All heavy atoms as atom14 arrays in JSON, in Angstrom:
{
  "sequence": "ERKCAEARVNADREIASCHGSGMTRVTDSLSGQEGEQSRRLLEDDRTL",
  "atom14_mask": [
    [1, 1, 1, 1, 1, 1, 1, 1, 1, 0, 0, 0, 0, 0],
    [1, 1, 1, 1, 1, 1, 1, 1, 1, 1, 1, 0, 0, 0],
    [1, 1, 1, 1, 1, 1, 1, 1, 1, 0, 0, 0, 0, 0],
    [1, 1, 1, 1, 1, 1, 0, 0, 0, 0, 0, 0, 0, 0],
    [1, 1, 1, 1, 1, 0, 0, 0, 0, 0, 0, 0, 0, 0],
    [1, 1, 1, 1, 1, 1, 1, 1, 1, 0, 0, 0, 0, 0],
    [1, 1, 1, 1, 1, 0, 0, 0, 0, 0, 0, 0, 0, 0],
    [1, 1, 1, 1, 1, 1, 1, 1, 1, 1, 1, 0, 0, 0],
    [1, 1, 1, 1, 1, 1, 1, 0, 0, 0, 0, 0, 0, 0],
    [1, 1, 1, 1, 1, 1, 1, 1, 0, 0, 0, 0, 0, 0],
    [1, 1, 1, 1, 1, 0, 0, 0, 0, 0, 0, 0, 0, 0],
    [1, 1, 1, 1, 1, 1, 1, 1, 0, 0, 0, 0, 0, 0],
    [1, 1, 1, 1, 1, 1, 1, 1, 1, 1, 1, 0, 0, 0],
    [1, 1, 1, 1, 1, 1, 1, 1, 1, 0, 0, 0, 0, 0],
    [1, 1, 1, 1, 1, 1, 1, 1, 0, 0, 0, 0, 0, 0],
    [1, 1, 1, 1, 1, 0, 0, 0, 0, 0, 0, 0, 0, 0],
    [1, 1, 1, 1, 1, 1, 0, 0, 0, 0, 0, 0, 0, 0],
    [1, 1, 1, 1, 1, 1, 0, 0, 0, 0, 0, 0, 0, 0],
    [1, 1, 1, 1, 1, 1, 1, 1, 1, 1, 0, 0, 0, 0],
    [1, 1, 1, 1, 0, 0, 0, 0, 0, 0, 0, 0, 0, 0],
    [1, 1, 1, 1, 1, 1, 0, 0, 0, 0, 0, 0, 0, 0],
    [1, 1, 1, 1, 0, 0, 0, 0, 0, 0, 0, 0, 0, 0],
    [1, 1, 1, 1, 1, 1, 1, 1, 0, 0, 0, 0, 0, 0],
    [1, 1, 1, 1, 1, 1, 1, 0, 0, 0, 0, 0, 0, 0],
    [1, 1, 1, 1, 1, 1, 1, 1, 1, 1, 1, 0, 0, 0],
    [1, 1, 1, 1, 1, 1, 1, 0, 0, 0, 0, 0, 0, 0],
    [1, 1, 1, 1, 1, 1, 1, 0, 0, 0, 0, 0, 0, 0],
    [1, 1, 1, 1, 1, 1, 1, 1, 0, 0, 0, 0, 0, 0],
    [1, 1, 1, 1, 1, 1, 0, 0, 0, 0, 0, 0, 0, 0],
    [1, 1, 1, 1, 1, 1, 1, 1, 0, 0, 0, 0, 0, 0],
    [1, 1, 1, 1, 1, 1, 0, 0, 0, 0, 0, 0, 0, 0],
    [1, 1, 1, 1, 0, 0, 0, 0, 0, 0, 0, 0, 0, 0],
    [1, 1, 1, 1, 1, 1, 1, 1, 1, 0, 0, 0, 0, 0],
    [1, 1, 1, 1, 1, 1, 1, 1, 1, 0, 0, 0, 0, 0],
    [1, 1, 1, 1, 0, 0, 0, 0, 0, 0, 0, 0, 0, 0],
    [1, 1, 1, 1, 1, 1, 1, 1, 1, 0, 0, 0, 0, 0],
    [1, 1, 1, 1, 1, 1, 1, 1, 1, 0, 0, 0, 0, 0],
    [1, 1, 1, 1, 1, 1, 0, 0, 0, 0, 0, 0, 0, 0],
    [1, 1, 1, 1, 1, 1, 1, 1, 1, 1, 1, 0, 0, 0],
    [1, 1, 1, 1, 1, 1, 1, 1, 1, 1, 1, 0, 0, 0],
    [1, 1, 1, 1, 1, 1, 1, 1, 0, 0, 0, 0, 0, 0],
    [1, 1, 1, 1, 1, 1, 1, 1, 0, 0, 0, 0, 0, 0],
    [1, 1, 1, 1, 1, 1, 1, 1, 1, 0, 0, 0, 0, 0],
    [1, 1, 1, 1, 1, 1, 1, 1, 0, 0, 0, 0, 0, 0],
    [1, 1, 1, 1, 1, 1, 1, 1, 0, 0, 0, 0, 0, 0],
    [1, 1, 1, 1, 1, 1, 1, 1, 1, 1, 1, 0, 0, 0],
    [1, 1, 1, 1, 1, 1, 1, 0, 0, 0, 0, 0, 0, 0],
    [1, 1, 1, 1, 1, 1, 1, 1, 0, 0, 0, 0, 0, 0]
  ],
  "atom14_positions": [
    [[101.23, 28.86, -80.8], [101.22, 28.74, -82.27], [99.71, 29.03, -82.87], [99.68, 29.66, -83.86], [101.76, 27.41, -82.83], [103.27, 27.36, -82.61], [103.79, 26.01, -82.9], [103.12, 25.01, -82.85], [104.98, 25.79, -83.14], [0.0, 0.0, 0.0], [0.0, 0.0, 0.0], [0.0, 0.0, 0.0], [0.0, 0.0, 0.0], [0.0, 0.0, 0.0]],
    [[98.85, 28.49, -82.1], [97.38, 28.74, -82.55], [97.02, 30.15, -82.4], [96.45, 30.83, -83.41], [96.45, 27.88, -81.67], [96.48, 26.44, -81.85], [95.69, 25.7, -80.81], [95.84, 24.24, -80.95], [95.46, 23.39, -80.01], [94.77, 23.76, -78.94], [95.65, 22.05, -80.22], [0.0, 0.0, 0.0], [0.0, 0.0, 0.0], [0.0, 0.0, 0.0]],
    [[97.45, 30.75, -81.39], [97.14, 32.32, -81.25], [97.91, 33.04, -82.32], [97.39, 34.01, -82.96], [97.63, 32.77, -79.94], [96.85, 32.28, -78.75], [97.38, 32.78, -77.35], [96.6, 32.32, -76.18], [97.21, 32.8, -74.88], [0.0, 0.0, 0.0], [0.0, 0.0, 0.0], [0.0, 0.0, 0.0], [0.0, 0.0, 0.0], [0.0, 0.0, 0.0]],
    [[99.1, 32.7, -82.57], [99.97, 33.31, -83.66], [99.32, 33.16, -84.99], [99.23, 34.04, -85.88], [101.32, 32.74, -83.68], [102.45, 33.42, -85.01], [0.0, 0.0, 0.0], [0.0, 0.0, 0.0], [0.0, 0.0, 0.0], [0.0, 0.0, 0.0], [0.0, 0.0, 0.0], [0.0, 0.0, 0.0], [0.0, 0.0, 0.0], [0.0, 0.0, 0.0]],
    [[98.81, 31.84, -85.33], [98.18, 31.58, -86.62], [97.04, 32.42, -86.91], [96.95, 32.96, -88.06], [97.89, 30.07, -86.71], [0.0, 0.0, 0.0], [0.0, 0.0, 0.0], [0.0, 0.0, 0.0], [0.0, 0.0, 0.0], [0.0, 0.0, 0.0], [0.0, 0.0, 0.0], [0.0, 0.0, 0.0], [0.0, 0.0, 0.0], [0.0, 0.0, 0.0]],
    [[96.23, 32.71, -85.83], [95.03, 33.51, -86.06], [95.36, 35.1, -86.15], [94.9, 35.82, -87.05], [94.03, 33.31, -84.93], [93.31, 31.87, -85.06], [92.04, 31.92, -84.52], [91.65, 32.81, -83.66], [91.16, 31.04, -84.81], [0.0, 0.0, 0.0], [0.0, 0.0, 0.0], [0.0, 0.0, 0.0], [0.0, 0.0, 0.0], [0.0, 0.0, 0.0]],
    [[96.26, 35.47, -85.19], [96.53, 36.85, -85.08], [97.25, 37.39, -86.35], [97.05, 38.51, -86.78], [97.43, 37.13, -83.91], [0.0, 0.0, 0.0], [0.0, 0.0, 0.0], [0.0, 0.0, 0.0], [0.0, 0.0, 0.0], [0.0, 0.0, 0.0], [0.0, 0.0, 0.0], [0.0, 0.0, 0.0], [0.0, 0.0, 0.0], [0.0, 0.0, 0.0]],
    [[98.25, 36.66, -86.94], [99.03, 37.13, -87.96], [98.12, 37.33, -89.23], [98.27, 38.3, -89.99], [100.13, 36.15, -88.36], [99.81, 34.72, -88.63], [100.9, 33.8, -88.57], [101.94, 34.22, -89.71], [101.81, 33.73, -90.99], [100.83, 33.02, -91.37], [102.72, 34.14, -91.84], [0.0, 0.0, 0.0], [0.0, 0.0, 0.0], [0.0, 0.0, 0.0]],
    [[97.13, 36.47, -89.54], [96.25, 36.5, -90.65], [95.27, 37.71, -90.38], [94.96, 38.42, -91.32], [95.46, 35.26, -90.86], [94.44, 35.39, -91.93], [96.45, 34.22, -91.29], [0.0, 0.0, 0.0], [0.0, 0.0, 0.0], [0.0, 0.0, 0.0], [0.0, 0.0, 0.0], [0.0, 0.0, 0.0], [0.0, 0.0, 0.0], [0.0, 0.0, 0.0]],
    [[94.69, 37.82, -89.1], [93.85, 38.84, -88.7], [94.59, 40.28, -89.1], [93.99, 41.16, -89.69], [93.48, 38.9, -87.4], [92.24, 37.85, -87.17], [91.35, 37.79, -87.99], [92.18, 37.23, -86.03], [0.0, 0.0, 0.0], [0.0, 0.0, 0.0], [0.0, 0.0, 0.0], [0.0, 0.0, 0.0], [0.0, 0.0, 0.0], [0.0, 0.0, 0.0]],
    [[95.75, 40.32, -88.62], [96.54, 41.53, -88.88], [96.68, 41.89, -90.25], [96.49, 42.97, -90.75], [97.94, 41.5, -88.15], [0.0, 0.0, 0.0], [0.0, 0.0, 0.0], [0.0, 0.0, 0.0], [0.0, 0.0, 0.0], [0.0, 0.0, 0.0], [0.0, 0.0, 0.0], [0.0, 0.0, 0.0], [0.0, 0.0, 0.0], [0.0, 0.0, 0.0]],
    [[97.1, 40.91, -91.1], [97.32, 41.09, -92.5], [95.94, 41.56, -93.2], [96.0, 42.29, -94.16], [97.85, 39.78, -93.11], [98.11, 40.01, -94.64], [99.07, 40.67, -94.96], [97.3, 39.47, -95.47], [0.0, 0.0, 0.0], [0.0, 0.0, 0.0], [0.0, 0.0, 0.0], [0.0, 0.0, 0.0], [0.0, 0.0, 0.0], [0.0, 0.0, 0.0]],
    [[94.77, 40.82, -92.91], [93.65, 41.24, -93.49], [93.11, 42.59, -93.09], [92.44, 43.3, -93.77], [92.53, 40.13, -93.1], [92.9, 38.7, -93.65], [92.95, 38.74, -95.17], [93.31, 37.49, -95.68], [93.59, 37.29, -96.99], [93.42, 38.28, -97.9], [93.87, 36.1, -97.5], [0.0, 0.0, 0.0], [0.0, 0.0, 0.0], [0.0, 0.0, 0.0]],
    [[93.49, 42.97, -91.81], [93.15, 44.26, -91.4], [93.95, 45.39, -92.3], [93.27, 46.33, -92.65], [93.51, 44.47, -89.98], [93.18, 45.82, -89.35], [91.72, 46.0, -89.12], [90.97, 45.03, -89.06], [91.18, 47.15, -88.86], [0.0, 0.0, 0.0], [0.0, 0.0, 0.0], [0.0, 0.0, 0.0], [0.0, 0.0, 0.0], [0.0, 0.0, 0.0]],
    [[95.16, 45.09, -92.6], [95.86, 45.84, -93.55], [95.22, 45.99, -94.88], [94.96, 46.98, -95.43], [97.35, 45.36, -93.61], [98.07, 45.44, -92.34], [98.07, 46.14, -94.69], [99.46, 44.67, -92.27], [0.0, 0.0, 0.0], [0.0, 0.0, 0.0], [0.0, 0.0, 0.0], [0.0, 0.0, 0.0], [0.0, 0.0, 0.0], [0.0, 0.0, 0.0]],
    [[94.87, 44.83, -95.3], [94.23, 44.75, -96.63], [92.86, 45.47, -96.55], [92.5, 46.19, -97.56], [93.93, 43.32, -97.03], [0.0, 0.0, 0.0], [0.0, 0.0, 0.0], [0.0, 0.0, 0.0], [0.0, 0.0, 0.0], [0.0, 0.0, 0.0], [0.0, 0.0, 0.0], [0.0, 0.0, 0.0], [0.0, 0.0, 0.0], [0.0, 0.0, 0.0]],
    [[92.17, 45.37, -95.53], [90.92, 45.98, -95.46], [91.01, 47.6, -95.42], [90.15, 48.27, -95.93], [90.12, 45.55, -94.23], [88.78, 46.17, -94.0], [0.0, 0.0, 0.0], [0.0, 0.0, 0.0], [0.0, 0.0, 0.0], [0.0, 0.0, 0.0], [0.0, 0.0, 0.0], [0.0, 0.0, 0.0], [0.0, 0.0, 0.0], [0.0, 0.0, 0.0]],
    [[92.18, 47.98, -94.82], [92.36, 49.38, -94.84], [93.03, 50.01, -96.0], [92.57, 51.03, -96.49], [93.24, 49.79, -93.55], [92.54, 49.35, -91.93], [0.0, 0.0, 0.0], [0.0, 0.0, 0.0], [0.0, 0.0, 0.0], [0.0, 0.0, 0.0], [0.0, 0.0, 0.0], [0.0, 0.0, 0.0], [0.0, 0.0, 0.0], [0.0, 0.0, 0.0]],
    [[94.02, 49.25, -96.57], [94.83, 49.93, -97.53], [94.64, 49.36, -98.93], [95.09, 49.8, -99.82], [96.41, 49.72, -97.21], [96.58, 50.16, -95.83], [96.01, 51.29, -95.26], [97.42, 49.71, -94.81], [96.43, 51.52, -93.96], [97.38, 50.44, -93.82], [0.0, 0.0, 0.0], [0.0, 0.0, 0.0], [0.0, 0.0, 0.0], [0.0, 0.0, 0.0]],
    [[94.12, 48.17, -98.95], [94.13, 47.39, -100.3], [95.41, 46.57, -100.5], [96.23, 46.41, -99.61], [0.0, 0.0, 0.0], [0.0, 0.0, 0.0], [0.0, 0.0, 0.0], [0.0, 0.0, 0.0], [0.0, 0.0, 0.0], [0.0, 0.0, 0.0], [0.0, 0.0, 0.0], [0.0, 0.0, 0.0], [0.0, 0.0, 0.0], [0.0, 0.0, 0.0]],
    [[95.33, 45.97, -101.65], [96.45, 45.11, -102.05], [97.49, 45.74, -102.9], [98.45, 45.02, -103.28], [95.83, 43.94, -102.7], [96.59, 43.11, -103.44], [0.0, 0.0, 0.0], [0.0, 0.0, 0.0], [0.0, 0.0, 0.0], [0.0, 0.0, 0.0], [0.0, 0.0, 0.0], [0.0, 0.0, 0.0], [0.0, 0.0, 0.0], [0.0, 0.0, 0.0]],
    [[97.38, 47.01, -103.25], [98.29, 47.55, -103.98], [99.66, 47.9, -103.17], [99.65, 47.93, -101.95], [0.0, 0.0, 0.0], [0.0, 0.0, 0.0], [0.0, 0.0, 0.0], [0.0, 0.0, 0.0], [0.0, 0.0, 0.0], [0.0, 0.0, 0.0], [0.0, 0.0, 0.0], [0.0, 0.0, 0.0], [0.0, 0.0, 0.0], [0.0, 0.0, 0.0]],
    [[100.67, 48.27, -103.97], [102.01, 48.59, -103.25], [101.98, 49.99, -102.58], [102.81, 50.23, -101.72], [103.11, 48.58, -104.21], [103.39, 47.23, -104.84], [103.88, 46.1, -103.51], [105.39, 46.83, -103.05], [0.0, 0.0, 0.0], [0.0, 0.0, 0.0], [0.0, 0.0, 0.0], [0.0, 0.0, 0.0], [0.0, 0.0, 0.0], [0.0, 0.0, 0.0]],
    [[101.01, 50.86, -102.92], [100.92, 52.13, -102.25], [99.56, 52.31, -101.81], [98.63, 51.76, -102.21], [101.31, 53.28, -103.27], [100.42, 53.24, -104.39], [102.69, 53.1, -103.82], [0.0, 0.0, 0.0], [0.0, 0.0, 0.0], [0.0, 0.0, 0.0], [0.0, 0.0, 0.0], [0.0, 0.0, 0.0], [0.0, 0.0, 0.0], [0.0, 0.0, 0.0]],
    [[99.44, 53.24, -100.76], [98.22, 53.52, -100.22], [97.51, 54.67, -100.92], [98.19, 55.48, -101.54], [98.22, 53.87, -98.72], [98.9, 52.69, -97.95], [98.98, 53.13, -96.52], [99.84, 52.19, -95.72], [100.76, 52.58, -94.83], [100.93, 53.85, -94.5], [101.49, 51.67, -94.28], [0.0, 0.0, 0.0], [0.0, 0.0, 0.0], [0.0, 0.0, 0.0]],
    [[96.19, 54.76, -100.87], [95.49, 55.85, -101.49], [95.98, 57.16, -100.83], [96.29, 58.07, -101.68], [93.97, 55.78, -101.24], [93.31, 57.0, -101.66], [93.37, 54.62, -101.92], [0.0, 0.0, 0.0], [0.0, 0.0, 0.0], [0.0, 0.0, 0.0], [0.0, 0.0, 0.0], [0.0, 0.0, 0.0], [0.0, 0.0, 0.0], [0.0, 0.0, 0.0]],
    [[96.2, 57.27, -99.67], [96.66, 58.52, -98.91], [98.0, 58.87, -99.31], [98.36, 59.98, -99.11], [96.51, 58.38, -97.46], [97.19, 57.2, -97.04], [95.06, 58.29, -97.0], [0.0, 0.0, 0.0], [0.0, 0.0, 0.0], [0.0, 0.0, 0.0], [0.0, 0.0, 0.0], [0.0, 0.0, 0.0], [0.0, 0.0, 0.0], [0.0, 0.0, 0.0]],
    [[98.8, 58.01, -99.94], [100.17, 58.4, -100.32], [100.11, 59.48, -101.39], [101.08, 60.13, -101.54], [100.98, 57.17, -100.82], [101.35, 56.34, -99.77], [101.19, 56.62, -98.56], [101.72, 55.07, -99.97], [0.0, 0.0, 0.0], [0.0, 0.0, 0.0], [0.0, 0.0, 0.0], [0.0, 0.0, 0.0], [0.0, 0.0, 0.0], [0.0, 0.0, 0.0]],
    [[99.06, 59.58, -102.1], [98.93, 60.61, -103.17], [98.44, 61.93, -102.68], [98.48, 62.87, -103.36], [97.95, 60.1, -104.19], [96.55, 60.05, -103.69], [0.0, 0.0, 0.0], [0.0, 0.0, 0.0], [0.0, 0.0, 0.0], [0.0, 0.0, 0.0], [0.0, 0.0, 0.0], [0.0, 0.0, 0.0], [0.0, 0.0, 0.0], [0.0, 0.0, 0.0]],
    [[97.98, 61.94, -101.38], [97.64, 63.22, -100.82], [98.8, 63.99, -100.43], [99.87, 63.45, -99.9], [96.66, 63.08, -99.68], [95.41, 62.22, -99.88], [94.57, 62.13, -98.58], [94.64, 62.91, -101.0], [0.0, 0.0, 0.0], [0.0, 0.0, 0.0], [0.0, 0.0, 0.0], [0.0, 0.0, 0.0], [0.0, 0.0, 0.0], [0.0, 0.0, 0.0]],
    [[98.86, 65.36, -100.58], [100.01, 66.14, -100.19], [99.74, 67.11, -99.02], [98.63, 67.31, -98.64], [100.34, 66.93, -101.5], [99.26, 67.88, -101.91], [0.0, 0.0, 0.0], [0.0, 0.0, 0.0], [0.0, 0.0, 0.0], [0.0, 0.0, 0.0], [0.0, 0.0, 0.0], [0.0, 0.0, 0.0], [0.0, 0.0, 0.0], [0.0, 0.0, 0.0]],
    [[100.8, 67.73, -98.58], [100.76, 68.72, -97.5], [100.2, 68.16, -96.19], [100.36, 66.87, -95.92], [0.0, 0.0, 0.0], [0.0, 0.0, 0.0], [0.0, 0.0, 0.0], [0.0, 0.0, 0.0], [0.0, 0.0, 0.0], [0.0, 0.0, 0.0], [0.0, 0.0, 0.0], [0.0, 0.0, 0.0], [0.0, 0.0, 0.0], [0.0, 0.0, 0.0]],
    [[99.69, 69.01, -95.36], [99.31, 68.71, -93.96], [98.2, 67.66, -94.06], [98.1, 66.72, -93.19], [98.87, 69.94, -93.3], [98.38, 69.62, -91.82], [98.0, 70.94, -91.12], [97.89, 71.97, -91.75], [97.75, 70.87, -89.82], [0.0, 0.0, 0.0], [0.0, 0.0, 0.0], [0.0, 0.0, 0.0], [0.0, 0.0, 0.0], [0.0, 0.0, 0.0]],
    [[97.29, 67.7, -95.04], [96.12, 66.71, -95.01], [96.65, 65.32, -95.33], [96.19, 64.45, -94.64], [95.17, 67.15, -96.17], [94.0, 66.2, -96.28], [93.08, 66.41, -97.5], [93.65, 67.01, -98.53], [91.97, 66.13, -97.54], [0.0, 0.0, 0.0], [0.0, 0.0, 0.0], [0.0, 0.0, 0.0], [0.0, 0.0, 0.0], [0.0, 0.0, 0.0]],
    [[97.69, 65.23, -96.14], [98.25, 63.9, -96.45], [98.87, 63.34, -95.3], [98.73, 62.12, -94.93], [0.0, 0.0, 0.0], [0.0, 0.0, 0.0], [0.0, 0.0, 0.0], [0.0, 0.0, 0.0], [0.0, 0.0, 0.0], [0.0, 0.0, 0.0], [0.0, 0.0, 0.0], [0.0, 0.0, 0.0], [0.0, 0.0, 0.0], [0.0, 0.0, 0.0]],
    [[99.72, 64.19, -94.59], [100.37, 63.79, -93.43], [99.48, 63.34, -92.26], [99.63, 62.24, -91.62], [101.35, 64.93, -92.82], [102.16, 64.54, -91.7], [103.12, 63.32, -92.05], [103.64, 63.33, -93.21], [103.37, 62.53, -91.15], [0.0, 0.0, 0.0], [0.0, 0.0, 0.0], [0.0, 0.0, 0.0], [0.0, 0.0, 0.0], [0.0, 0.0, 0.0]],
    [[98.38, 64.09, -92.01], [97.36, 63.72, -91.05], [96.73, 62.45, -91.31], [96.5, 61.58, -90.52], [96.38, 64.86, -90.82], [96.91, 66.05, -90.27], [96.0, 67.24, -90.26], [95.15, 67.36, -91.19], [96.14, 68.21, -89.36], [0.0, 0.0, 0.0], [0.0, 0.0, 0.0], [0.0, 0.0, 0.0], [0.0, 0.0, 0.0], [0.0, 0.0, 0.0]],
    [[96.38, 62.27, -92.6], [95.7, 61.07, -93.16], [96.52, 59.86, -92.92], [96.08, 58.81, -92.56], [95.36, 61.21, -94.53], [94.34, 62.33, -94.74], [0.0, 0.0, 0.0], [0.0, 0.0, 0.0], [0.0, 0.0, 0.0], [0.0, 0.0, 0.0], [0.0, 0.0, 0.0], [0.0, 0.0, 0.0], [0.0, 0.0, 0.0], [0.0, 0.0, 0.0]],
    [[97.78, 59.96, -93.29], [98.76, 58.8, -93.14], [98.9, 58.37, -91.71], [99.11, 57.25, -91.42], [100.08, 59.21, -93.74], [100.11, 59.01, -95.27], [101.54, 59.11, -95.82], [101.99, 60.58, -95.73], [101.6, 61.4, -96.83], [101.1, 60.96, -97.89], [102.12, 62.72, -96.69], [0.0, 0.0, 0.0], [0.0, 0.0, 0.0], [0.0, 0.0, 0.0]],
    [[98.71, 59.37, -90.78], [98.87, 58.95, -89.4], [97.67, 58.16, -88.92], [97.74, 57.43, -87.88], [99.04, 60.22, -88.48], [100.5, 60.84, -88.46], [100.73, 61.74, -87.28], [99.71, 62.83, -87.29], [99.97, 64.02, -87.76], [101.14, 64.23, -88.39], [99.03, 64.93, -87.74], [0.0, 0.0, 0.0], [0.0, 0.0, 0.0], [0.0, 0.0, 0.0]],
    [[96.52, 58.24, -89.6], [95.42, 57.6, -89.26], [95.5, 56.16, -89.57], [94.82, 55.35, -89.08], [94.03, 58.27, -89.94], [93.72, 59.66, -89.57], [92.66, 60.22, -90.46], [93.12, 59.6, -88.02], [0.0, 0.0, 0.0], [0.0, 0.0, 0.0], [0.0, 0.0, 0.0], [0.0, 0.0, 0.0], [0.0, 0.0, 0.0], [0.0, 0.0, 0.0]],
    [[96.21, 55.92, -90.63], [96.29, 54.47, -91.1], [97.61, 53.92, -90.47], [98.78, 54.33, -90.72], [96.47, 54.46, -92.63], [95.31, 55.02, -93.3], [95.44, 54.98, -94.77], [94.09, 54.36, -93.0], [0.0, 0.0, 0.0], [0.0, 0.0, 0.0], [0.0, 0.0, 0.0], [0.0, 0.0, 0.0], [0.0, 0.0, 0.0], [0.0, 0.0, 0.0]],
    [[97.53, 52.81, -89.64], [98.63, 52.36, -88.92], [99.67, 51.72, -89.89], [99.2, 51.12, -90.95], [98.11, 51.28, -87.98], [97.13, 51.85, -86.99], [96.53, 50.78, -86.08], [97.19, 50.32, -85.07], [95.51, 50.23, -86.51], [0.0, 0.0, 0.0], [0.0, 0.0, 0.0], [0.0, 0.0, 0.0], [0.0, 0.0, 0.0], [0.0, 0.0, 0.0]],
    [[100.91, 51.78, -89.57], [101.93, 51.22, -90.38], [101.96, 49.69, -90.47], [101.56, 48.99, -89.54], [103.38, 51.57, -89.78], [104.48, 51.17, -90.62], [104.65, 51.94, -91.59], [105.03, 50.17, -90.39], [0.0, 0.0, 0.0], [0.0, 0.0, 0.0], [0.0, 0.0, 0.0], [0.0, 0.0, 0.0], [0.0, 0.0, 0.0], [0.0, 0.0, 0.0]],
    [[102.07, 49.23, -91.68], [102.04, 47.69, -91.93], [103.0, 47.0, -90.95], [102.53, 45.9, -90.53], [102.4, 47.38, -93.4], [101.46, 47.83, -94.39], [100.44, 48.49, -93.91], [101.63, 47.51, -95.52], [0.0, 0.0, 0.0], [0.0, 0.0, 0.0], [0.0, 0.0, 0.0], [0.0, 0.0, 0.0], [0.0, 0.0, 0.0], [0.0, 0.0, 0.0]],
    [[104.07, 47.47, -90.67], [105.05, 46.63, -89.93], [104.55, 46.55, -88.46], [104.68, 45.67, -87.76], [106.44, 47.36, -90.03], [107.11, 47.12, -91.25], [108.38, 48.0, -91.27], [108.07, 49.42, -91.31], [109.0, 50.38, -91.35], [110.28, 50.01, -91.34], [108.63, 51.69, -91.32], [0.0, 0.0, 0.0], [0.0, 0.0, 0.0], [0.0, 0.0, 0.0]],
    [[103.88, 47.75, -88.04], [103.36, 47.66, -86.65], [102.23, 46.69, -86.53], [102.11, 45.91, -85.56], [102.87, 49.02, -86.32], [103.86, 50.05, -86.45], [102.26, 49.13, -84.85], [0.0, 0.0, 0.0], [0.0, 0.0, 0.0], [0.0, 0.0, 0.0], [0.0, 0.0, 0.0], [0.0, 0.0, 0.0], [0.0, 0.0, 0.0], [0.0, 0.0, 0.0]],
    [[101.33, 46.68, -87.52], [100.25, 45.68, -87.62], [100.75, 44.25, -87.51], [100.22, 43.39, -86.84], [99.37, 45.94, -88.8], [98.37, 47.09, -88.55], [97.76, 47.41, -89.92], [97.36, 46.84, -87.63], [0.0, 0.0, 0.0], [0.0, 0.0, 0.0], [0.0, 0.0, 0.0], [0.0, 0.0, 0.0], [0.0, 0.0, 0.0], [0.0, 0.0, 0.0]]
  ]
}
């Protein structure tokens, strides 16, 4: 539980550090191939 307590907050803050606290990411507004490539660079919230 100690490992879990630290890892879950670290993961969530990593998401916040990358994407912010908004409901959408900055790269969601990018279109075409550039947007798709950029989105792949940012790991999915559920995976984190």
